[in-house]
């Protein structure tokens, strides 16, 4: 353990079950921004055919070796409840001059889950394990996945994205003390 965690440990072990539950609930709080006027940006997107798979090692064989965009969503499906989902993260696999693709990016996330080289993404993958859906759409060879990704980010403003927003949205989110 680290020095600060060692100092905090007596307080943490003294927590009541209710305090532990409150801490767990707080950990699962993901702020979502859904601003209806930004939904009009969908007209700026190319035609995308979204596919989805549960995020797990076995699903990798279903991911195409093509460039495209993807989204992680936390999704709860139960016959006794209405389906609920939230987009947590958006990314791209490959671009016009890149050899990367959706299949390779999918593997990067399976690897991140194990080695923790991206703390926020590792937190997302572990926190929502068993409830994550990986949505993906391939993009035509002459279309920039970076442009598509940026437009999707401007529309959906996922809570686990940080540095990939357009400059305009970044400034707005900083002004609203969201970033």
N, C-alpha and C. Protein backbone atom coordinates (compact mmCIF):
# COMPACT_ATOMS: atom_id res chain seq x y z
N UNK A 1 0.84 -1.19 0.00
CA UNK A 1 0.00 0.00 0.00
C UNK A 1 0.87 1.24 0.00
N UNK A 2 0.29 2.34 -0.46
CA UNK A 2 1.00 3.61 -0.45
C UNK A 2 0.95 4.26 0.91
N UNK A 3 1.78 5.26 1.10
CA UNK A 3 1.89 5.95 2.39
C UNK A 3 0.54 6.56 2.82
N UNK A 4 -0.15 7.21 1.87
CA UNK A 4 -1.44 7.83 2.22
C UNK A 4 -2.50 6.79 2.54
N UNK A 5 -2.49 5.70 1.79
CA UNK A 5 -3.46 4.64 2.07
C UNK A 5 -3.17 4.00 3.43
N UNK A 6 -1.90 3.85 3.75
CA UNK A 6 -1.54 3.33 5.08
C UNK A 6 -2.07 4.24 6.18
N UNK A 7 -1.96 5.56 5.98
CA UNK A 7 -2.46 6.51 6.98
C UNK A 7 -3.98 6.44 7.11
N UNK A 8 -4.66 6.23 5.98
CA UNK A 8 -6.12 6.23 5.98
C UNK A 8 -6.70 4.89 6.43
N UNK A 9 -5.93 3.82 6.36
CA UNK A 9 -6.45 2.49 6.61
C UNK A 9 -7.20 2.33 7.93
N UNK A 10 -6.73 2.85 9.07
CA UNK A 10 -7.51 2.70 10.31
C UNK A 10 -8.92 3.30 10.20
N UNK A 11 -9.02 4.44 9.54
CA UNK A 11 -10.35 5.05 9.37
C UNK A 11 -11.22 4.21 8.45
N UNK A 12 -10.61 3.66 7.40
CA UNK A 12 -11.38 2.86 6.45
C UNK A 12 -11.89 1.58 7.08
N UNK A 13 -11.06 0.92 7.87
CA UNK A 13 -11.49 -0.33 8.49
C UNK A 13 -12.53 -0.09 9.59
N UNK A 14 -12.60 1.13 10.11
CA UNK A 14 -13.57 1.45 11.16
C UNK A 14 -14.93 1.86 10.57
N UNK A 15 -15.04 1.88 9.25
CA UNK A 15 -16.31 2.30 8.63
C UNK A 15 -17.42 1.31 8.94
N UNK A 16 -18.61 1.83 9.16
CA UNK A 16 -19.78 0.98 9.38
C UNK A 16 -20.23 0.41 8.03
N UNK A 17 -21.04 -0.65 8.03
CA UNK A 17 -21.56 -1.18 6.77
C UNK A 17 -22.31 -0.11 5.96
N UNK A 18 -23.05 0.74 6.64
CA UNK A 18 -23.77 1.81 5.93
C UNK A 18 -22.80 2.78 5.26
N UNK A 19 -21.72 3.14 5.95
CA UNK A 19 -20.72 4.04 5.37
C UNK A 19 -20.04 3.39 4.16
N UNK A 20 -19.80 2.07 4.24
CA UNK A 20 -19.20 1.34 3.11
C UNK A 20 -20.15 1.33 1.92
N UNK A 21 -21.43 1.16 2.17
CA UNK A 21 -22.42 1.17 1.10
C UNK A 21 -22.51 2.55 0.46
N UNK A 22 -22.50 3.59 1.28
CA UNK A 22 -22.53 4.96 0.76
C UNK A 22 -21.30 5.20 -0.13
N UNK A 23 -20.14 4.73 0.31
CA UNK A 23 -18.91 4.87 -0.50
C UNK A 23 -19.04 4.12 -1.82
N UNK A 24 -19.62 2.92 -1.77
CA UNK A 24 -19.80 2.13 -3.00
C UNK A 24 -20.77 2.82 -3.95
N UNK A 25 -21.86 3.37 -3.40
CA UNK A 25 -22.82 4.10 -4.25
C UNK A 25 -22.15 5.31 -4.89
N UNK A 26 -21.36 6.01 -4.13
CA UNK A 26 -20.66 7.19 -4.64
C UNK A 26 -19.71 6.82 -5.77
N UNK A 27 -19.07 5.67 -5.65
CA UNK A 27 -18.13 5.20 -6.67
C UNK A 27 -18.83 4.93 -8.00
N UNK A 28 -20.09 4.57 -7.96
CA UNK A 28 -20.84 4.26 -9.18
C UNK A 28 -21.61 5.46 -9.73
N UNK A 29 -21.29 6.62 -9.25
CA UNK A 29 -21.94 7.84 -9.74
C UNK A 29 -21.19 8.32 -10.98
N UNK A 30 -21.84 8.29 -12.14
CA UNK A 30 -21.24 8.78 -13.39
C UNK A 30 -22.12 9.91 -13.90
N UNK A 31 -21.58 11.10 -13.93
CA UNK A 31 -22.37 12.25 -14.39
C UNK A 31 -22.55 12.21 -15.91
N UNK A 32 -23.78 12.22 -16.31
CA UNK A 32 -24.10 12.21 -17.74
C UNK A 32 -24.67 13.55 -18.14
N UNK A 33 -24.18 14.06 -19.25
CA UNK A 33 -24.70 15.31 -19.79
C UNK A 33 -25.41 14.96 -21.09
N UNK A 34 -26.68 15.20 -21.13
CA UNK A 34 -27.45 15.01 -22.36
C UNK A 34 -28.12 16.35 -22.64
N UNK A 35 -27.57 17.07 -23.61
CA UNK A 35 -28.07 18.40 -23.93
C UNK A 35 -28.79 18.33 -25.28
N UNK A 36 -30.13 18.36 -25.29
CA UNK A 36 -30.90 18.13 -26.51
C UNK A 36 -30.48 18.95 -27.74
N UNK A 37 -30.12 20.23 -27.62
CA UNK A 37 -29.71 20.94 -28.83
C UNK A 37 -28.50 20.31 -29.54
N UNK A 38 -27.61 19.65 -28.78
CA UNK A 38 -26.44 19.04 -29.40
C UNK A 38 -26.80 17.81 -30.24
N UNK A 39 -27.98 17.23 -30.00
CA UNK A 39 -28.43 16.08 -30.79
C UNK A 39 -28.59 16.43 -32.27
N UNK A 40 -28.74 17.70 -32.56
CA UNK A 40 -28.87 18.14 -33.96
C UNK A 40 -27.59 17.89 -34.75
N UNK A 41 -26.47 17.66 -34.06
CA UNK A 41 -25.21 17.37 -34.74
C UNK A 41 -25.23 16.02 -35.45
N UNK A 42 -26.23 15.19 -35.22
CA UNK A 42 -26.28 13.90 -35.91
C UNK A 42 -26.30 14.09 -37.42
N UNK A 43 -26.79 15.22 -37.88
CA UNK A 43 -26.80 15.48 -39.33
C UNK A 43 -25.39 15.60 -39.89
N UNK A 44 -24.40 15.81 -39.03
CA UNK A 44 -23.00 15.93 -39.45
C UNK A 44 -22.29 14.58 -39.51
N UNK A 45 -22.99 13.51 -39.15
CA UNK A 45 -22.39 12.17 -39.14
C UNK A 45 -22.62 11.46 -40.47
N UNK A 46 -21.67 10.61 -40.88
CA UNK A 46 -21.95 9.74 -42.03
C UNK A 46 -22.95 8.68 -41.59
N UNK A 47 -23.48 7.94 -42.52
CA UNK A 47 -24.39 6.85 -42.17
C UNK A 47 -23.59 5.79 -41.42
N UNK A 48 -24.02 5.49 -40.20
CA UNK A 48 -23.34 4.50 -39.37
C UNK A 48 -24.30 3.36 -39.06
N UNK A 49 -23.83 2.13 -39.26
CA UNK A 49 -24.62 0.95 -38.90
C UNK A 49 -23.99 0.37 -37.63
N UNK A 50 -24.63 0.60 -36.50
CA UNK A 50 -24.08 0.18 -35.22
C UNK A 50 -24.36 -1.29 -34.96
N UNK A 51 -23.36 -1.97 -34.45
CA UNK A 51 -23.46 -3.36 -34.01
C UNK A 51 -23.10 -3.36 -32.53
N UNK A 52 -23.50 -4.41 -31.83
CA UNK A 52 -23.14 -4.46 -30.41
C UNK A 52 -22.82 -5.88 -29.99
N UNK A 53 -21.89 -5.96 -29.04
CA UNK A 53 -21.52 -7.24 -28.43
C UNK A 53 -21.28 -6.98 -26.94
N UNK A 54 -21.49 -7.99 -26.11
CA UNK A 54 -21.11 -7.81 -24.71
C UNK A 54 -19.59 -7.66 -24.65
N UNK A 55 -19.09 -6.78 -23.78
CA UNK A 55 -17.64 -6.60 -23.69
C UNK A 55 -17.06 -7.74 -22.86
N UNK A 56 -16.41 -8.68 -23.56
CA UNK A 56 -15.73 -9.81 -22.92
C UNK A 56 -14.76 -10.40 -23.94
N UNK A 57 -13.85 -11.21 -23.47
CA UNK A 57 -12.81 -11.80 -24.33
C UNK A 57 -13.43 -12.58 -25.49
N UNK A 58 -14.50 -13.28 -25.25
CA UNK A 58 -15.12 -14.13 -26.27
C UNK A 58 -15.69 -13.32 -27.44
N UNK A 59 -16.06 -12.07 -27.20
CA UNK A 59 -16.68 -11.26 -28.26
C UNK A 59 -15.67 -10.73 -29.27
N UNK A 60 -14.37 -10.80 -28.96
CA UNK A 60 -13.38 -10.21 -29.87
C UNK A 60 -13.47 -10.81 -31.27
N UNK A 61 -13.79 -12.09 -31.38
CA UNK A 61 -13.85 -12.74 -32.69
C UNK A 61 -14.95 -12.16 -33.58
N UNK A 62 -15.88 -11.43 -33.00
CA UNK A 62 -16.97 -10.82 -33.78
C UNK A 62 -16.62 -9.41 -34.27
N UNK A 63 -15.52 -8.85 -33.78
CA UNK A 63 -15.14 -7.48 -34.13
C UNK A 63 -14.39 -7.48 -35.46
N UNK A 64 -14.78 -6.63 -36.41
CA UNK A 64 -14.11 -6.61 -37.72
C UNK A 64 -12.72 -5.99 -37.66
N UNK A 65 -11.88 -6.40 -38.58
CA UNK A 65 -10.53 -5.84 -38.70
C UNK A 65 -10.58 -4.68 -39.69
N UNK A 66 -11.45 -3.74 -39.37
CA UNK A 66 -11.65 -2.55 -40.20
C UNK A 66 -11.61 -1.32 -39.31
N UNK A 67 -11.44 -0.16 -39.92
CA UNK A 67 -11.46 1.07 -39.13
C UNK A 67 -12.90 1.44 -38.82
N UNK A 68 -13.06 2.16 -37.73
CA UNK A 68 -14.41 2.56 -37.34
C UNK A 68 -14.41 3.32 -36.02
N UNK A 69 -15.59 3.49 -35.50
CA UNK A 69 -15.79 4.15 -34.21
C UNK A 69 -16.49 3.17 -33.28
N UNK A 70 -16.33 3.40 -31.98
CA UNK A 70 -16.95 2.50 -31.01
C UNK A 70 -17.40 3.28 -29.79
N UNK A 71 -18.26 2.65 -29.03
CA UNK A 71 -18.75 3.25 -27.79
C UNK A 71 -18.91 2.14 -26.75
N UNK A 72 -18.50 2.44 -25.54
CA UNK A 72 -18.80 1.56 -24.41
C UNK A 72 -20.05 2.11 -23.75
N UNK A 73 -20.99 1.22 -23.47
CA UNK A 73 -22.21 1.61 -22.77
C UNK A 73 -22.41 0.68 -21.59
N UNK A 74 -22.86 1.24 -20.49
CA UNK A 74 -23.29 0.39 -19.38
C UNK A 74 -24.76 0.12 -19.67
N UNK A 75 -25.12 -1.15 -19.64
CA UNK A 75 -26.45 -1.53 -20.09
C UNK A 75 -27.03 -2.55 -19.11
N UNK A 76 -28.23 -2.28 -18.66
CA UNK A 76 -28.92 -3.19 -17.76
C UNK A 76 -30.16 -3.72 -18.47
N UNK A 77 -30.19 -5.03 -18.63
CA UNK A 77 -31.32 -5.66 -19.30
C UNK A 77 -31.91 -6.69 -18.34
N UNK A 78 -33.17 -6.51 -18.05
CA UNK A 78 -33.89 -7.41 -17.16
C UNK A 78 -35.35 -7.36 -17.60
N UNK A 79 -35.98 -8.50 -17.76
CA UNK A 79 -37.37 -8.54 -18.22
C UNK A 79 -38.33 -7.79 -17.31
N UNK A 80 -37.95 -7.60 -16.05
CA UNK A 80 -38.83 -6.93 -15.11
C UNK A 80 -38.63 -5.41 -15.08
N UNK A 81 -37.64 -4.93 -15.84
CA UNK A 81 -37.34 -3.50 -15.88
C UNK A 81 -37.24 -3.01 -17.31
N UNK A 82 -37.48 -1.74 -17.53
CA UNK A 82 -37.20 -1.21 -18.87
C UNK A 82 -35.69 -1.22 -19.07
N UNK A 83 -35.25 -1.49 -20.30
CA UNK A 83 -33.82 -1.48 -20.60
C UNK A 83 -33.27 -0.09 -20.35
N UNK A 84 -32.11 -0.04 -19.72
CA UNK A 84 -31.46 1.23 -19.43
C UNK A 84 -30.01 1.15 -19.87
N UNK A 85 -29.55 2.19 -20.57
CA UNK A 85 -28.14 2.22 -20.94
C UNK A 85 -27.65 3.65 -21.00
N UNK A 86 -26.34 3.80 -20.80
CA UNK A 86 -25.69 5.10 -20.86
C UNK A 86 -24.36 4.92 -21.58
N UNK A 87 -24.06 5.80 -22.51
CA UNK A 87 -22.77 5.78 -23.18
C UNK A 87 -21.73 6.33 -22.20
N UNK A 88 -20.69 5.53 -21.95
CA UNK A 88 -19.64 5.92 -21.02
C UNK A 88 -18.39 6.45 -21.71
N UNK A 89 -18.11 5.94 -22.91
CA UNK A 89 -16.85 6.28 -23.58
C UNK A 89 -17.01 6.08 -25.09
N UNK A 90 -16.40 6.96 -25.86
CA UNK A 90 -16.40 6.84 -27.32
C UNK A 90 -14.96 6.90 -27.80
N UNK A 91 -14.65 6.10 -28.80
CA UNK A 91 -13.30 6.09 -29.36
C UNK A 91 -13.32 5.73 -30.83
N UNK A 92 -12.11 5.65 -31.39
CA UNK A 92 -11.96 5.30 -32.81
C UNK A 92 -10.91 4.22 -32.94
N UNK A 93 -11.06 3.42 -33.96
CA UNK A 93 -10.08 2.40 -34.30
C UNK A 93 -9.60 2.66 -35.71
N UNK A 94 -8.41 3.22 -35.83
CA UNK A 94 -7.85 3.52 -37.15
C UNK A 94 -8.31 4.87 -37.67
N UNK A 95 -7.63 5.30 -38.72
CA UNK A 95 -8.00 6.53 -39.42
C UNK A 95 -7.46 6.43 -40.84
N UNK A 96 -7.57 7.48 -41.60
CA UNK A 96 -7.23 7.43 -43.03
C UNK A 96 -5.81 6.91 -43.26
N UNK A 97 -4.82 7.36 -42.49
CA UNK A 97 -3.43 6.93 -42.68
C UNK A 97 -2.95 5.99 -41.57
N UNK A 98 -3.84 5.25 -40.95
CA UNK A 98 -3.48 4.42 -39.80
C UNK A 98 -3.71 2.94 -40.10
N UNK A 99 -2.90 2.10 -39.49
CA UNK A 99 -3.07 0.65 -39.60
C UNK A 99 -3.89 0.08 -38.45
N UNK A 100 -4.30 0.95 -37.52
CA UNK A 100 -5.10 0.50 -36.39
C UNK A 100 -6.50 0.14 -36.89
N UNK A 101 -7.24 -0.63 -36.13
CA UNK A 101 -8.61 -0.98 -36.51
C UNK A 101 -9.42 -1.33 -35.26
N UNK A 102 -10.69 -1.60 -35.45
CA UNK A 102 -11.58 -1.89 -34.31
C UNK A 102 -11.13 -3.14 -33.55
N UNK A 103 -10.69 -4.16 -34.27
CA UNK A 103 -10.27 -5.42 -33.66
C UNK A 103 -9.07 -5.19 -32.74
N UNK A 104 -8.08 -4.40 -33.21
CA UNK A 104 -6.90 -4.10 -32.40
C UNK A 104 -7.27 -3.24 -31.19
N UNK A 105 -8.15 -2.27 -31.38
CA UNK A 105 -8.55 -1.41 -30.26
C UNK A 105 -9.30 -2.24 -29.21
N UNK A 106 -10.15 -3.16 -29.64
CA UNK A 106 -10.87 -4.02 -28.70
C UNK A 106 -9.87 -4.76 -27.82
N UNK A 107 -8.81 -5.30 -28.45
CA UNK A 107 -7.78 -6.00 -27.69
C UNK A 107 -7.10 -5.06 -26.69
N UNK A 108 -6.85 -3.81 -27.10
CA UNK A 108 -6.25 -2.84 -26.19
C UNK A 108 -7.06 -2.72 -24.90
N UNK A 109 -8.38 -2.76 -25.01
CA UNK A 109 -9.22 -2.64 -23.82
C UNK A 109 -9.20 -3.91 -22.98
N UNK A 110 -9.13 -5.06 -23.62
CA UNK A 110 -8.99 -6.30 -22.85
C UNK A 110 -7.67 -6.27 -22.08
N UNK A 111 -6.61 -5.76 -22.70
CA UNK A 111 -5.30 -5.63 -22.08
C UNK A 111 -5.33 -4.59 -20.95
N UNK A 112 -5.98 -3.46 -21.19
CA UNK A 112 -6.08 -2.39 -20.18
C UNK A 112 -6.75 -2.89 -18.93
N UNK A 113 -7.73 -3.76 -19.10
CA UNK A 113 -8.44 -4.32 -17.95
C UNK A 113 -7.48 -5.06 -17.03
N UNK A 114 -6.42 -5.64 -17.62
CA UNK A 114 -5.46 -6.43 -16.84
C UNK A 114 -4.29 -5.60 -16.31
N UNK A 115 -3.78 -4.66 -17.11
CA UNK A 115 -2.52 -4.02 -16.70
C UNK A 115 -2.67 -2.60 -16.16
N UNK A 116 -3.82 -2.05 -16.20
CA UNK A 116 -4.10 -0.76 -15.55
C UNK A 116 -3.25 0.39 -16.06
N UNK A 117 -2.93 0.41 -17.37
CA UNK A 117 -2.10 1.51 -17.88
C UNK A 117 -2.90 2.77 -18.19
N UNK A 118 -4.20 2.70 -18.13
CA UNK A 118 -5.07 3.86 -18.32
C UNK A 118 -6.06 3.87 -17.15
N UNK A 119 -5.73 4.56 -16.06
CA UNK A 119 -6.52 4.44 -14.82
C UNK A 119 -8.02 4.70 -14.98
N UNK A 120 -8.40 5.75 -15.69
CA UNK A 120 -9.84 6.05 -15.82
C UNK A 120 -10.55 4.93 -16.58
N UNK A 121 -9.93 4.46 -17.65
CA UNK A 121 -10.55 3.41 -18.47
C UNK A 121 -10.57 2.10 -17.69
N UNK A 122 -9.50 1.81 -16.99
CA UNK A 122 -9.46 0.61 -16.15
C UNK A 122 -10.57 0.65 -15.11
N UNK A 123 -10.76 1.82 -14.50
CA UNK A 123 -11.85 2.00 -13.53
C UNK A 123 -13.20 1.71 -14.17
N UNK A 124 -13.43 2.24 -15.37
CA UNK A 124 -14.69 2.02 -16.07
C UNK A 124 -14.90 0.53 -16.34
N UNK A 125 -13.86 -0.13 -16.85
CA UNK A 125 -13.97 -1.55 -17.21
C UNK A 125 -14.24 -2.42 -15.98
N UNK A 126 -13.61 -2.11 -14.89
CA UNK A 126 -13.80 -2.90 -13.67
C UNK A 126 -15.10 -2.57 -12.95
N UNK A 127 -15.42 -1.30 -12.91
CA UNK A 127 -16.61 -0.85 -12.17
C UNK A 127 -17.89 -1.40 -12.78
N UNK A 128 -17.94 -1.48 -14.10
CA UNK A 128 -19.16 -1.89 -14.78
C UNK A 128 -19.05 -3.29 -15.39
N UNK A 129 -18.05 -4.06 -14.96
CA UNK A 129 -17.82 -5.41 -15.50
C UNK A 129 -19.11 -6.24 -15.45
N UNK A 130 -19.37 -6.91 -16.55
CA UNK A 130 -20.58 -7.72 -16.64
C UNK A 130 -21.79 -6.96 -17.15
N UNK A 131 -21.67 -5.64 -17.25
CA UNK A 131 -22.77 -4.81 -17.73
C UNK A 131 -22.35 -3.92 -18.89
N UNK A 132 -21.13 -4.12 -19.42
CA UNK A 132 -20.66 -3.28 -20.51
C UNK A 132 -21.00 -3.88 -21.86
N UNK A 133 -21.49 -3.03 -22.73
CA UNK A 133 -21.74 -3.38 -24.12
C UNK A 133 -20.80 -2.56 -24.98
N UNK A 134 -20.22 -3.21 -25.98
CA UNK A 134 -19.31 -2.55 -26.92
C UNK A 134 -20.08 -2.36 -28.23
N UNK A 135 -20.37 -1.11 -28.55
CA UNK A 135 -21.02 -0.78 -29.81
C UNK A 135 -19.94 -0.38 -30.80
N UNK A 136 -20.07 -0.79 -32.05
CA UNK A 136 -19.09 -0.38 -33.04
C UNK A 136 -19.77 -0.20 -34.41
N UNK A 137 -19.15 0.66 -35.20
CA UNK A 137 -19.63 0.90 -36.57
C UNK A 137 -18.40 1.12 -37.44
N UNK A 138 -18.34 0.44 -38.56
CA UNK A 138 -17.24 0.66 -39.49
C UNK A 138 -17.49 1.96 -40.25
N UNK A 139 -16.40 2.53 -40.75
CA UNK A 139 -16.46 3.82 -41.44
C UNK A 139 -15.81 3.64 -42.81
N UNK A 140 -16.37 4.27 -43.83
CA UNK A 140 -15.85 4.17 -45.20
C UNK A 140 -14.39 4.59 -45.26
N UNK A 141 -13.61 4.01 -46.18
CA UNK A 141 -12.17 4.31 -46.27
C UNK A 141 -11.82 5.79 -46.42
N UNK A 142 -12.69 6.56 -47.06
CA UNK A 142 -12.38 7.98 -47.30
C UNK A 142 -12.89 8.90 -46.20
N UNK A 143 -13.43 8.33 -45.11
CA UNK A 143 -13.98 9.13 -44.01
C UNK A 143 -13.01 9.08 -42.83
N UNK A 144 -12.77 10.21 -42.22
CA UNK A 144 -11.88 10.29 -41.05
C UNK A 144 -12.62 9.81 -39.80
N UNK A 145 -12.10 8.76 -39.18
CA UNK A 145 -12.70 8.30 -37.92
C UNK A 145 -12.53 9.35 -36.83
N UNK A 146 -11.46 10.14 -36.92
CA UNK A 146 -11.25 11.21 -35.95
C UNK A 146 -12.35 12.24 -36.00
N UNK A 147 -12.79 12.60 -37.21
CA UNK A 147 -13.89 13.56 -37.35
C UNK A 147 -15.20 12.98 -36.83
N UNK A 148 -15.44 11.69 -37.14
CA UNK A 148 -16.67 11.04 -36.67
C UNK A 148 -16.65 10.94 -35.15
N UNK A 149 -15.51 10.55 -34.58
CA UNK A 149 -15.38 10.45 -33.13
C UNK A 149 -15.65 11.81 -32.47
N UNK A 150 -15.06 12.86 -32.99
CA UNK A 150 -15.24 14.19 -32.40
C UNK A 150 -16.71 14.63 -32.45
N UNK A 151 -17.39 14.33 -33.55
CA UNK A 151 -18.81 14.68 -33.65
C UNK A 151 -19.64 13.89 -32.63
N UNK A 152 -19.36 12.58 -32.52
CA UNK A 152 -20.07 11.77 -31.52
C UNK A 152 -19.83 12.29 -30.11
N UNK A 153 -18.61 12.70 -29.83
CA UNK A 153 -18.28 13.24 -28.51
C UNK A 153 -19.03 14.55 -28.25
N UNK A 154 -19.13 15.40 -29.27
CA UNK A 154 -19.88 16.66 -29.11
C UNK A 154 -21.36 16.40 -28.85
N UNK A 155 -21.88 15.31 -29.38
CA UNK A 155 -23.30 15.00 -29.22
C UNK A 155 -23.56 14.36 -27.85
N UNK A 156 -22.76 13.36 -27.50
CA UNK A 156 -23.06 12.50 -26.34
C UNK A 156 -22.31 12.86 -25.06
N UNK A 157 -21.19 13.54 -25.15
CA UNK A 157 -20.39 13.99 -24.00
C UNK A 157 -20.25 12.87 -22.94
N UNK A 158 -19.63 11.75 -23.31
CA UNK A 158 -19.50 10.63 -22.37
C UNK A 158 -18.62 10.97 -21.17
N UNK A 159 -18.95 10.45 -19.99
CA UNK A 159 -18.23 10.83 -18.77
C UNK A 159 -16.79 10.33 -18.66
N UNK A 160 -16.41 9.28 -19.37
CA UNK A 160 -15.05 8.77 -19.25
C UNK A 160 -14.11 9.33 -20.32
N UNK A 161 -14.62 10.08 -21.27
CA UNK A 161 -13.74 10.77 -22.23
C UNK A 161 -13.22 12.03 -21.57
N UNK A 162 -12.01 12.42 -21.90
CA UNK A 162 -11.45 13.65 -21.34
C UNK A 162 -10.82 14.53 -22.42
N UNK A 163 -9.80 14.06 -23.12
CA UNK A 163 -9.03 14.93 -23.99
C UNK A 163 -9.43 14.93 -25.45
N UNK A 164 -10.51 14.28 -25.81
CA UNK A 164 -10.84 14.11 -27.22
C UNK A 164 -11.97 15.00 -27.72
N UNK A 165 -12.51 15.85 -26.87
CA UNK A 165 -13.61 16.71 -27.29
C UNK A 165 -13.10 17.79 -28.25
N UNK A 166 -14.01 18.36 -29.03
CA UNK A 166 -13.63 19.49 -29.88
C UNK A 166 -13.17 20.64 -28.98
N UNK A 167 -12.36 21.53 -29.55
CA UNK A 167 -11.87 22.68 -28.77
C UNK A 167 -13.03 23.49 -28.23
N UNK A 168 -14.07 23.67 -29.05
CA UNK A 168 -15.22 24.46 -28.62
C UNK A 168 -15.91 23.82 -27.41
N UNK A 169 -16.16 22.50 -27.49
CA UNK A 169 -16.82 21.83 -26.37
C UNK A 169 -15.92 21.80 -25.14
N UNK A 170 -14.63 21.58 -25.34
CA UNK A 170 -13.69 21.60 -24.22
C UNK A 170 -13.78 22.90 -23.46
N UNK A 171 -13.79 24.01 -24.17
CA UNK A 171 -13.90 25.33 -23.52
C UNK A 171 -15.22 25.48 -22.78
N UNK A 172 -16.31 25.01 -23.37
CA UNK A 172 -17.61 25.07 -22.70
C UNK A 172 -17.64 24.23 -21.43
N UNK A 173 -17.09 23.02 -21.50
CA UNK A 173 -17.09 22.13 -20.34
C UNK A 173 -16.19 22.67 -19.23
N UNK A 174 -15.08 23.30 -19.62
CA UNK A 174 -14.23 23.95 -18.60
C UNK A 174 -14.94 25.12 -17.98
N UNK A 175 -15.63 25.91 -18.80
CA UNK A 175 -16.38 27.05 -18.27
C UNK A 175 -17.50 26.63 -17.33
N UNK A 176 -18.05 25.43 -17.54
CA UNK A 176 -19.12 24.92 -16.67
C UNK A 176 -18.54 24.09 -15.51
N UNK A 177 -17.22 24.10 -15.35
CA UNK A 177 -16.52 23.33 -14.31
C UNK A 177 -16.81 21.83 -14.38
N UNK A 178 -16.95 21.34 -15.62
CA UNK A 178 -17.18 19.91 -15.82
C UNK A 178 -15.86 19.21 -16.15
N UNK A 179 -14.96 19.91 -16.81
CA UNK A 179 -13.62 19.36 -17.08
C UNK A 179 -12.60 20.03 -16.20
